Amino acid sequence: MGCLLSFCHTHTHTRVLQCRLRCLSLSHTHTHTRVLQCRLRFLSLSLSLTHTHTHTHTHTHTHTHTHTHTHAHTRARTHITALGRS
């Protein structure tokens, strides 16, 4: 398990999440504002969420929302396999 995902996760609902996720299970569940079911190794959040994320990735992404928000996913996903071994 030496995968390190560098995520530029931009939430636009009250929060801007810029987190670096190390081996996150990419079926992460979003419930309401921001319940991230993933292992966050390094997480620096600048609170500015406005439930409009932008993710750009090609895996299974499951979002479970209790609200009806507009979702525009744009995530800068960078796979750095060598650096994620700790």
PDB file of N, CA and C in Angstrom:
ATOM      1  N   MET A   1       0.825  -1.183   0.000  1.00  0.00           N
ATOM      2  CA  MET A   1       0.000   0.000   0.000  1.00  0.00           C
ATOM      3  C   MET A   1       0.870   1.247   0.000  1.00  0.00           C
ATOM      4  N   GLY A   2       1.480   1.539  -1.099  1.00  0.00           N
ATOM      5  CA  GLY A   2       2.347   2.690  -1.155  1.00  0.00           C
ATOM      6  C   GLY A   2       1.811   3.744  -2.095  1.00  0.00           C
ATOM      7  N   CYS A   3       0.502   3.807  -2.194  1.00  0.00           N
ATOM      8  CA  CYS A   3      -0.054   4.800  -3.101  1.00  0.00           C
ATOM      9  C   CYS A   3      -0.346   6.087  -2.358  1.00  0.00           C
ATOM     10  N   LEU A   4       0.026   7.168  -2.970  1.00  0.00           N
ATOM     11  CA  LEU A   4      -0.251   8.455  -2.359  1.00  0.00           C
ATOM     12  C   LEU A   4      -0.953   9.314  -3.384  1.00  0.00           C
ATOM     13  N   LEU A   5      -2.120   9.774  -3.031  1.00  0.00           N
ATOM     14  CA  LEU A   5      -2.890  10.570  -3.951  1.00  0.00           C
ATOM     15  C   LEU A   5      -2.829  12.019  -3.534  1.00  0.00           C
ATOM     16  N   SER A   6      -2.372  12.823  -4.427  1.00  0.00           N
ATOM     17  CA  SER A   6      -2.295  14.246  -4.146  1.00  0.00           C
ATOM     18  C   SER A   6      -3.582  14.880  -4.650  1.00  0.00           C
ATOM     19  N   PHE A   7      -4.414  15.276  -3.722  1.00  0.00           N
ATOM     20  CA  PHE A   7      -5.721  15.770  -4.107  1.00  0.00           C
ATOM     21  C   PHE A   7      -5.855  17.260  -3.938  1.00  0.00           C
ATOM     22  N   CYS A   8      -6.340  17.865  -4.974  1.00  0.00           N
ATOM     23  CA  CYS A   8      -6.705  19.258  -4.886  1.00  0.00           C
ATOM     24  C   CYS A   8      -8.217  19.261  -4.902  1.00  0.00           C
ATOM     25  N   HIS A   9      -8.792  18.972  -3.765  1.00  0.00           N
ATOM     26  CA  HIS A   9     -10.219  18.753  -3.652  1.00  0.00           C
ATOM     27  C   HIS A   9     -10.887  20.075  -3.345  1.00  0.00           C
ATOM     28  N   THR A  10     -11.582  20.584  -4.283  1.00  0.00           N
ATOM     29  CA  THR A  10     -12.195  21.876  -4.066  1.00  0.00           C
ATOM     30  C   THR A  10     -13.668  21.717  -3.786  1.00  0.00           C
ATOM     31  N   HIS A  11     -14.057  21.921  -2.575  1.00  0.00           N
ATOM     32  CA  HIS A  11     -15.455  21.909  -2.200  1.00  0.00           C
ATOM     33  C   HIS A  11     -15.931  23.328  -2.295  1.00  0.00           C
ATOM     34  N   THR A  12     -17.082  23.482  -2.831  1.00  0.00           N
ATOM     35  CA  THR A  12     -17.600  24.822  -2.901  1.00  0.00           C
ATOM     36  C   THR A  12     -18.956  24.816  -2.250  1.00  0.00           C
ATOM     37  N   HIS A  13     -19.015  24.787  -0.988  1.00  0.00           N
ATOM     38  CA  HIS A  13     -20.305  24.904  -0.307  1.00  0.00           C
ATOM     39  C   HIS A  13     -20.124  25.639   0.983  1.00  0.00           C
ATOM     40  N   THR A  14     -18.940  25.690   1.451  1.00  0.00           N
ATOM     41  CA  THR A  14     -18.555  26.466   2.609  1.00  0.00           C
ATOM     42  C   THR A  14     -17.105  26.155   2.877  1.00  0.00           C
ATOM     43  N   ARG A  15     -16.485  25.367   2.057  1.00  0.00           N
ATOM     44  CA  ARG A  15     -15.197  24.840   2.414  1.00  0.00           C
ATOM     45  C   ARG A  15     -14.375  24.493   1.188  1.00  0.00           C
ATOM     46  N   VAL A  16     -13.096  24.826   1.239  1.00  0.00           N
ATOM     47  CA  VAL A  16     -12.202  24.403   0.169  1.00  0.00           C
ATOM     48  C   VAL A  16     -11.246  23.402   0.768  1.00  0.00           C
ATOM     49  N   LEU A  17     -11.378  22.164   0.337  1.00  0.00           N
ATOM     50  CA  LEU A  17     -10.570  21.100   0.898  1.00  0.00           C
ATOM     51  C   LEU A  17      -9.397  20.820  -0.022  1.00  0.00           C
ATOM     52  N   GLN A  18      -8.217  21.025   0.491  1.00  0.00           N
ATOM     53  CA  GLN A  18      -7.047  20.643  -0.265  1.00  0.00           C
ATOM     54  C   GLN A  18      -6.357  19.586   0.557  1.00  0.00           C
ATOM     55  N   CYS A  19      -6.583  18.351   0.212  1.00  0.00           N
ATOM     56  CA  CYS A  19      -6.081  17.291   1.051  1.00  0.00           C
ATOM     57  C   CYS A  19      -5.247  16.328   0.240  1.00  0.00           C
ATOM     58  N   ARG A  20      -4.332  15.708   0.906  1.00  0.00           N
ATOM     59  CA  ARG A  20      -3.473  14.728   0.301  1.00  0.00           C
ATOM     60  C   ARG A  20      -3.903  13.397   0.890  1.00  0.00           C
ATOM     61  N   LEU A  21      -4.466  12.545   0.103  1.00  0.00           N
ATOM     62  CA  LEU A  21      -5.006  11.321   0.635  1.00  0.00           C
ATOM     63  C   LEU A  21      -4.082  10.178   0.293  1.00  0.00           C
ATOM     64  N   ARG A  22      -3.738   9.425   1.301  1.00  0.00           N
ATOM     65  CA  ARG A  22      -2.851   8.308   1.110  1.00  0.00           C
ATOM     66  C   ARG A  22      -3.655   7.035   1.089  1.00  0.00           C
ATOM     67  N   CYS A  23      -3.723   6.393  -0.035  1.00  0.00           N
ATOM     68  CA  CYS A  23      -4.485   5.161  -0.195  1.00  0.00           C
ATOM     69  C   CYS A  23      -5.924   5.338   0.235  1.00  0.00           C
ATOM     70  N   LEU A  24      -6.645   6.180  -0.416  1.00  0.00           N
ATOM     71  CA  LEU A  24      -8.028   6.321  -0.048  1.00  0.00           C
ATOM     72  C   LEU A  24      -8.834   5.364  -0.891  1.00  0.00           C
ATOM     73  N   SER A  25      -9.864   4.819  -0.314  1.00  0.00           N
ATOM     74  CA  SER A  25     -10.724   3.941  -1.083  1.00  0.00           C
ATOM     75  C   SER A  25     -11.659   4.832  -1.877  1.00  0.00           C
ATOM     76  N   LEU A  26     -11.484   4.800  -3.174  1.00  0.00           N
ATOM     77  CA  LEU A  26     -12.070   5.813  -4.024  1.00  0.00           C
ATOM     78  C   LEU A  26     -13.569   5.692  -4.197  1.00  0.00           C
ATOM     79  N   SER A  27     -14.184   4.930  -3.321  1.00  0.00           N
ATOM     80  CA  SER A  27     -15.629   4.971  -3.262  1.00  0.00           C
ATOM     81  C   SER A  27     -15.924   5.733  -2.007  1.00  0.00           C
ATOM     82  N   HIS A  28     -15.589   7.002  -1.969  1.00  0.00           N
ATOM     83  CA  HIS A  28     -15.788   7.724  -0.748  1.00  0.00           C
ATOM     84  C   HIS A  28     -17.187   8.279  -0.705  1.00  0.00           C
ATOM     85  N   THR A  29     -17.693   8.310   0.475  1.00  0.00           N
ATOM     86  CA  THR A  29     -19.086   8.670   0.651  1.00  0.00           C
ATOM     87  C   THR A  29     -19.181  10.072   1.193  1.00  0.00           C
ATOM     88  N   HIS A  30     -19.910  10.883   0.474  1.00  0.00           N
ATOM     89  CA  HIS A  30     -20.153  12.240   0.918  1.00  0.00           C
ATOM     90  C   HIS A  30     -21.539  12.274   1.498  1.00  0.00           C
ATOM     91  N   THR A  31     -21.639  12.565   2.743  1.00  0.00           N
ATOM     92  CA  THR A  31     -22.952  12.665   3.334  1.00  0.00           C
ATOM     93  C   THR A  31     -23.101  14.066   3.879  1.00  0.00           C
ATOM     94  N   HIS A  32     -24.041  14.781   3.328  1.00  0.00           N
ATOM     95  CA  HIS A  32     -24.317  16.165   3.683  1.00  0.00           C
ATOM     96  C   HIS A  32     -23.123  17.029   3.365  1.00  0.00           C
ATOM     97  N   THR A  33     -22.514  17.640   4.340  1.00  0.00           N
ATOM     98  CA  THR A  33     -21.475  18.601   4.029  1.00  0.00           C
ATOM     99  C   THR A  33     -20.178  17.953   3.629  1.00  0.00           C
ATOM    100  N   ARG A  34     -19.531  17.261   4.547  1.00  0.00           N
ATOM    101  CA  ARG A  34     -18.279  16.658   4.152  1.00  0.00           C
ATOM    102  C   ARG A  34     -17.886  15.514   5.071  1.00  0.00           C
ATOM    103  N   VAL A  35     -18.549  14.364   4.862  1.00  0.00           N
ATOM    104  CA  VAL A  35     -18.133  13.174   5.576  1.00  0.00           C
ATOM    105  C   VAL A  35     -17.297  12.371   4.596  1.00  0.00           C
ATOM    106  N   LEU A  36     -16.002  12.474   4.755  1.00  0.00           N
ATOM    107  CA  LEU A  36     -15.112  11.786   3.847  1.00  0.00           C
ATOM    108  C   LEU A  36     -14.725  10.456   4.450  1.00  0.00           C
ATOM    109  N   GLN A  37     -15.072   9.384   3.748  1.00  0.00           N
ATOM    110  CA  GLN A  37     -14.727   8.076   4.219  1.00  0.00           C
ATOM    111  C   GLN A  37     -13.435   7.665   3.546  1.00  0.00           C
ATOM    112  N   CYS A  38     -12.352   8.267   3.974  1.00  0.00           N
ATOM    113  CA  CYS A  38     -11.072   7.960   3.378  1.00  0.00           C
ATOM    114  C   CYS A  38      -9.986   8.265   4.381  1.00  0.00           C
ATOM    115  N   ARG A  39      -8.810   7.726   4.116  1.00  0.00           N
ATOM    116  CA  ARG A  39      -7.715   7.933   5.020  1.00  0.00           C
ATOM    117  C   ARG A  39      -6.984   9.192   4.610  1.00  0.00           C
ATOM    118  N   LEU A  40      -7.108  10.229   5.399  1.00  0.00           N
ATOM    119  CA  LEU A  40      -6.454  11.483   5.070  1.00  0.00           C
ATOM    120  C   LEU A  40      -5.117  11.534   5.768  1.00  0.00           C
ATOM    121  N   ARG A  41      -4.065  11.524   4.962  1.00  0.00           N
ATOM    122  CA  ARG A  41      -2.736  11.554   5.527  1.00  0.00           C
ATOM    123  C   ARG A  41      -2.366  12.980   5.863  1.00  0.00           C
ATOM    124  N   PHE A  42      -2.554  13.850   4.911  1.00  0.00           N
ATOM    125  CA  PHE A  42      -2.274  15.258   5.132  1.00  0.00           C
ATOM    126  C   PHE A  42      -3.477  16.032   4.630  1.00  0.00           C
ATOM    127  N   LEU A  43      -4.047  16.856   5.476  1.00  0.00           N
ATOM    128  CA  LEU A  43      -5.266  17.551   5.116  1.00  0.00           C
ATOM    129  C   LEU A  43      -5.177  18.990   5.577  1.00  0.00           C
ATOM    130  N   SER A  44      -5.087  19.877   4.622  1.00  0.00           N
ATOM    131  CA  SER A  44      -5.097  21.288   4.986  1.00  0.00           C
ATOM    132  C   SER A  44      -6.353  21.882   4.389  1.00  0.00           C
ATOM    133  N   LEU A  45      -7.309  22.192   5.221  1.00  0.00           N
ATOM    134  CA  LEU A  45      -8.539  22.727   4.692  1.00  0.00           C
ATOM    135  C   LEU A  45      -8.661  24.212   4.911  1.00  0.00           C
ATOM    136  N   SER A  46      -8.981  24.859   3.851  1.00  0.00           N
ATOM    137  CA  SER A  46      -9.290  26.271   3.913  1.00  0.00           C
ATOM    138  C   SER A  46     -10.797  26.335   3.818  1.00  0.00           C
ATOM    139  N   LEU A  47     -11.435  26.680   4.900  1.00  0.00           N
ATOM    140  CA  LEU A  47     -12.871  26.587   4.984  1.00  0.00           C
ATOM    141  C   LEU A  47     -13.526  27.565   4.028  1.00  0.00           C
ATOM    142  N   SER A  48     -14.195  27.024   3.075  1.00  0.00           N
ATOM    143  CA  SER A  48     -14.833  27.848   2.064  1.00  0.00           C
ATOM    144  C   SER A  48     -15.711  26.973   1.189  1.00  0.00           C
ATOM    145  N   LEU A  49     -16.336  25.997   1.790  1.00  0.00           N
ATOM    146  CA  LEU A  49     -17.086  24.990   1.058  1.00  0.00           C
ATOM    147  C   LEU A  49     -18.363  25.545   0.448  1.00  0.00           C
ATOM    148  N   THR A  50     -18.595  25.153  -0.745  1.00  0.00           N
ATOM    149  CA  THR A  50     -19.805  25.556  -1.435  1.00  0.00           C
ATOM    150  C   THR A  50     -20.168  24.435  -2.359  1.00  0.00           C
ATOM    151  N   HIS A  51     -20.720  23.421  -1.852  1.00  0.00           N
ATOM    152  CA  HIS A  51     -20.920  22.135  -2.489  1.00  0.00           C
ATOM    153  C   HIS A  51     -20.922  22.137  -4.004  1.00  0.00           C
ATOM    154  N   THR A  52     -19.859  22.513  -4.558  1.00  0.00           N
ATOM    155  CA  THR A  52     -19.655  22.413  -5.985  1.00  0.00           C
ATOM    156  C   THR A  52     -18.249  21.927  -6.105  1.00  0.00           C
ATOM    157  N   HIS A  53     -18.050  20.637  -6.113  1.00  0.00           N
ATOM    158  CA  HIS A  53     -16.688  20.226  -6.243  1.00  0.00           C
ATOM    159  C   HIS A  53     -16.444  19.947  -7.693  1.00  0.00           C
ATOM    160  N   THR A  54     -15.211  19.945  -7.985  1.00  0.00           N
ATOM    161  CA  THR A  54     -14.810  19.644  -9.330  1.00  0.00           C
ATOM    162  C   THR A  54     -13.784  18.551  -9.219  1.00  0.00           C
ATOM    163  N   HIS A  55     -14.124  17.398  -9.693  1.00  0.00           N
ATOM    164  CA  HIS A  55     -13.173  16.311  -9.639  1.00  0.00           C
ATOM    165  C   HIS A  55     -12.912  15.884 -11.062  1.00  0.00           C
ATOM    166  N   THR A  56     -11.681  15.567 -11.305  1.00  0.00           N
ATOM    167  CA  THR A  56     -11.357  15.036 -12.612  1.00  0.00           C
ATOM    168  C   THR A  56     -10.617  13.739 -12.386  1.00  0.00           C
ATOM    169  N   HIS A  57     -11.336  12.655 -12.382  1.00  0.00           N
ATOM    170  CA  HIS A  57     -10.679  11.383 -12.191  1.00  0.00           C
ATOM    171  C   HIS A  57     -11.483  10.297 -12.848  1.00  0.00           C
ATOM    172  N   THR A  58     -10.893   9.143 -12.935  1.00  0.00           N
ATOM    173  CA  THR A  58     -11.564   8.053 -13.620  1.00  0.00           C
ATOM    174  C   THR A  58     -11.664   6.836 -12.735  1.00  0.00           C
ATOM    175  N   HIS A  59     -12.328   6.973 -11.603  1.00  0.00           N
ATOM    176  CA  HIS A  59     -12.665   5.796 -10.835  1.00  0.00           C
ATOM    177  C   HIS A  59     -14.062   5.926 -10.302  1.00  0.00           C
ATOM    178  N   THR A  60     -14.444   4.906  -9.562  1.00  0.00           N
ATOM    179  CA  THR A  60     -15.787   4.884  -9.008  1.00  0.00           C
ATOM    180  C   THR A  60     -15.858   5.845  -7.846  1.00  0.00           C
ATOM    181  N   HIS A  61     -16.730   6.793  -7.967  1.00  0.00           N
ATOM    182  CA  HIS A  61     -16.870   7.797  -6.921  1.00  0.00           C
ATOM    183  C   HIS A  61     -18.326   7.804  -6.490  1.00  0.00           C
ATOM    184  N   THR A  62     -18.553   7.478  -5.252  1.00  0.00           N
ATOM    185  CA  THR A  62     -19.925   7.402  -4.781  1.00  0.00           C
ATOM    186  C   THR A  62     -20.188   8.540  -3.822  1.00  0.00           C
ATOM    187  N   HIS A  63     -21.137   9.370  -4.152  1.00  0.00           N
ATOM    188  CA  HIS A  63     -21.505  10.462  -3.265  1.00  0.00           C
ATOM    189  C   HIS A  63     -22.913  10.227  -2.748  1.00  0.00           C
ATOM    190  N   THR A  64     -23.032  10.288  -1.451  1.00  0.00           N
ATOM    191  CA  THR A  64     -24.350  10.146  -0.867  1.00  0.00           C
ATOM    192  C   THR A  64     -24.690  11.462  -0.193  1.00  0.00           C
ATOM    193  N   HIS A  65     -25.636  12.149  -0.732  1.00  0.00           N
ATOM    194  CA  HIS A  65     -25.980  13.456  -0.181  1.00  0.00           C
ATOM    195  C   HIS A  65     -27.390  13.446   0.348  1.00  0.00           C
ATOM    196  N   THR A  66     -27.534  14.078   1.484  1.00  0.00           N
ATOM    197  CA  THR A  66     -28.862  14.211   2.036  1.00  0.00           C
ATOM    198  C   THR A  66     -29.544  15.456   1.483  1.00  0.00           C
ATOM    199  N   HIS A  67     -28.794  16.278   0.806  1.00  0.00           N
ATOM    200  CA  HIS A  67     -29.341  17.481   0.200  1.00  0.00           C
ATOM    201  C   HIS A  67     -29.242  17.339  -1.307  1.00  0.00           C
ATOM    202  N   THR A  68     -29.922  18.214  -1.954  1.00  0.00           N
ATOM    203  CA  THR A  68     -29.775  18.260  -3.393  1.00  0.00           C
ATOM    204  C   THR A  68     -28.924  19.458  -3.737  1.00  0.00           C
ATOM    205  N   HIS A  69     -27.655  19.202  -3.911  1.00  0.00           N
ATOM    206  CA  HIS A  69     -26.737  20.271  -4.264  1.00  0.00           C
ATOM    207  C   HIS A  69     -26.311  20.077  -5.699  1.00  0.00           C
ATOM    208  N   THR A  70     -25.705  21.094  -6.178  1.00  0.00           N
ATOM    209  CA  THR A  70     -25.152  20.993  -7.514  1.00  0.00           C
ATOM    210  C   THR A  70     -23.721  20.516  -7.383  1.00  0.00           C
ATOM    211  N   HIS A  71     -23.406  19.475  -8.107  1.00  0.00           N
ATOM    212  CA  HIS A  71     -22.063  18.935  -8.016  1.00  0.00           C
ATOM    213  C   HIS A  71     -21.345  19.052  -9.341  1.00  0.00           C
ATOM    214  N   ALA A  72     -20.267  19.754  -9.305  1.00  0.00           N
ATOM    215  CA  ALA A  72     -19.414  19.802 -10.483  1.00  0.00           C
ATOM    216  C   ALA A  72     -18.055  19.356 -10.000  1.00  0.00           C
ATOM    217  N   HIS A  73     -17.632  18.183 -10.429  1.00  0.00           N
ATOM    218  CA  HIS A  73     -16.432  17.612  -9.855  1.00  0.00           C
ATOM    219  C   HIS A  73     -15.200  17.981 -10.647  1.00  0.00           C
ATOM    220  N   THR A  74     -14.229  18.436  -9.927  1.00  0.00           N
ATOM    221  CA  THR A  74     -12.965  18.796 -10.549  1.00  0.00           C
ATOM    222  C   THR A  74     -11.895  18.520  -9.555  1.00  0.00           C
ATOM    223  N   ARG A  75     -11.228  17.444  -9.696  1.00  0.00           N
ATOM    224  CA  ARG A  75     -10.200  17.128  -8.730  1.00  0.00           C
ATOM    225  C   ARG A  75      -8.926  16.845  -9.489  1.00  0.00           C
ATOM    226  N   ALA A  76      -7.885  17.504  -9.059  1.00  0.00           N
ATOM    227  CA  ALA A  76      -6.601  17.280  -9.688  1.00  0.00           C
ATOM    228  C   ALA A  76      -5.969  16.086  -9.000  1.00  0.00           C
ATOM    229  N   ARG A  77      -6.006  14.927  -9.646  1.00  0.00           N
ATOM    230  CA  ARG A  77      -5.530  13.714  -9.047  1.00  0.00           C
ATOM    231  C   ARG A  77      -4.147  13.397  -9.557  1.00  0.00           C
ATOM    232  N   THR A  78      -3.230  13.228  -8.664  1.00  0.00           N
ATOM    233  CA  THR A  78      -1.870  12.904  -9.048  1.00  0.00           C
ATOM    234  C   THR A  78      -1.442  11.657  -8.298  1.00  0.00           C
ATOM    235  N   HIS A  79      -1.099  10.629  -9.027  1.00  0.00           N
ATOM    236  CA  HIS A  79      -0.661   9.387  -8.416  1.00  0.00           C
ATOM    237  C   HIS A  79       0.845   9.407  -8.236  1.00  0.00           C
ATOM    238  N   ILE A  80       1.269   9.478  -7.007  1.00  0.00           N
ATOM    239  CA  ILE A  80       2.697   9.441  -6.734  1.00  0.00           C
ATOM    240  C   ILE A  80       2.951   8.173  -5.936  1.00  0.00           C
ATOM    241  N   THR A  81       3.313   7.123  -6.627  1.00  0.00           N
ATOM    242  CA  THR A  81       3.424   5.836  -5.970  1.00  0.00           C
ATOM    243  C   THR A  81       4.681   5.732  -5.126  1.00  0.00           C
ATOM    244  N   ALA A  82       5.746   6.330  -5.579  1.00  0.00           N
ATOM    245  CA  ALA A  82       7.023   6.170  -4.901  1.00  0.00           C
ATOM    246  C   ALA A  82       7.091   6.944  -3.600  1.00  0.00           C
ATOM    247  N   LEU A  83       6.381   8.061  -3.532  1.00  0.00           N
ATOM    248  CA  LEU A  83       6.512   8.925  -2.380  1.00  0.00           C
ATOM    249  C   LEU A  83       5.590   8.562  -1.232  1.00  0.00           C
ATOM    250  N   GLY A  84       4.671   7.659  -1.492  1.00  0.00           N
ATOM    251  CA  GLY A  84       3.663   7.398  -0.477  1.00  0.00           C
ATOM    252  C   GLY A  84       4.032   6.340   0.526  1.00  0.00           C
ATOM    253  N   ARG A  85       5.251   5.878   0.537  1.00  0.00           N
ATOM    254  CA  ARG A  85       5.628   4.810   1.457  1.00  0.00           C
ATOM    255  C   ARG A  85       6.177   5.357   2.746  1.00  0.00           C
ATOM    256  N   SER A  86       5.422   5.189   3.789  1.00  0.00           N
ATOM    257  CA  SER A  86       5.909   5.656   5.072  1.00  0.00           C
ATOM    258  C   SER A  86       5.830   4.506   6.043  1.00  0.00           C
TER     259      SER A  86
END
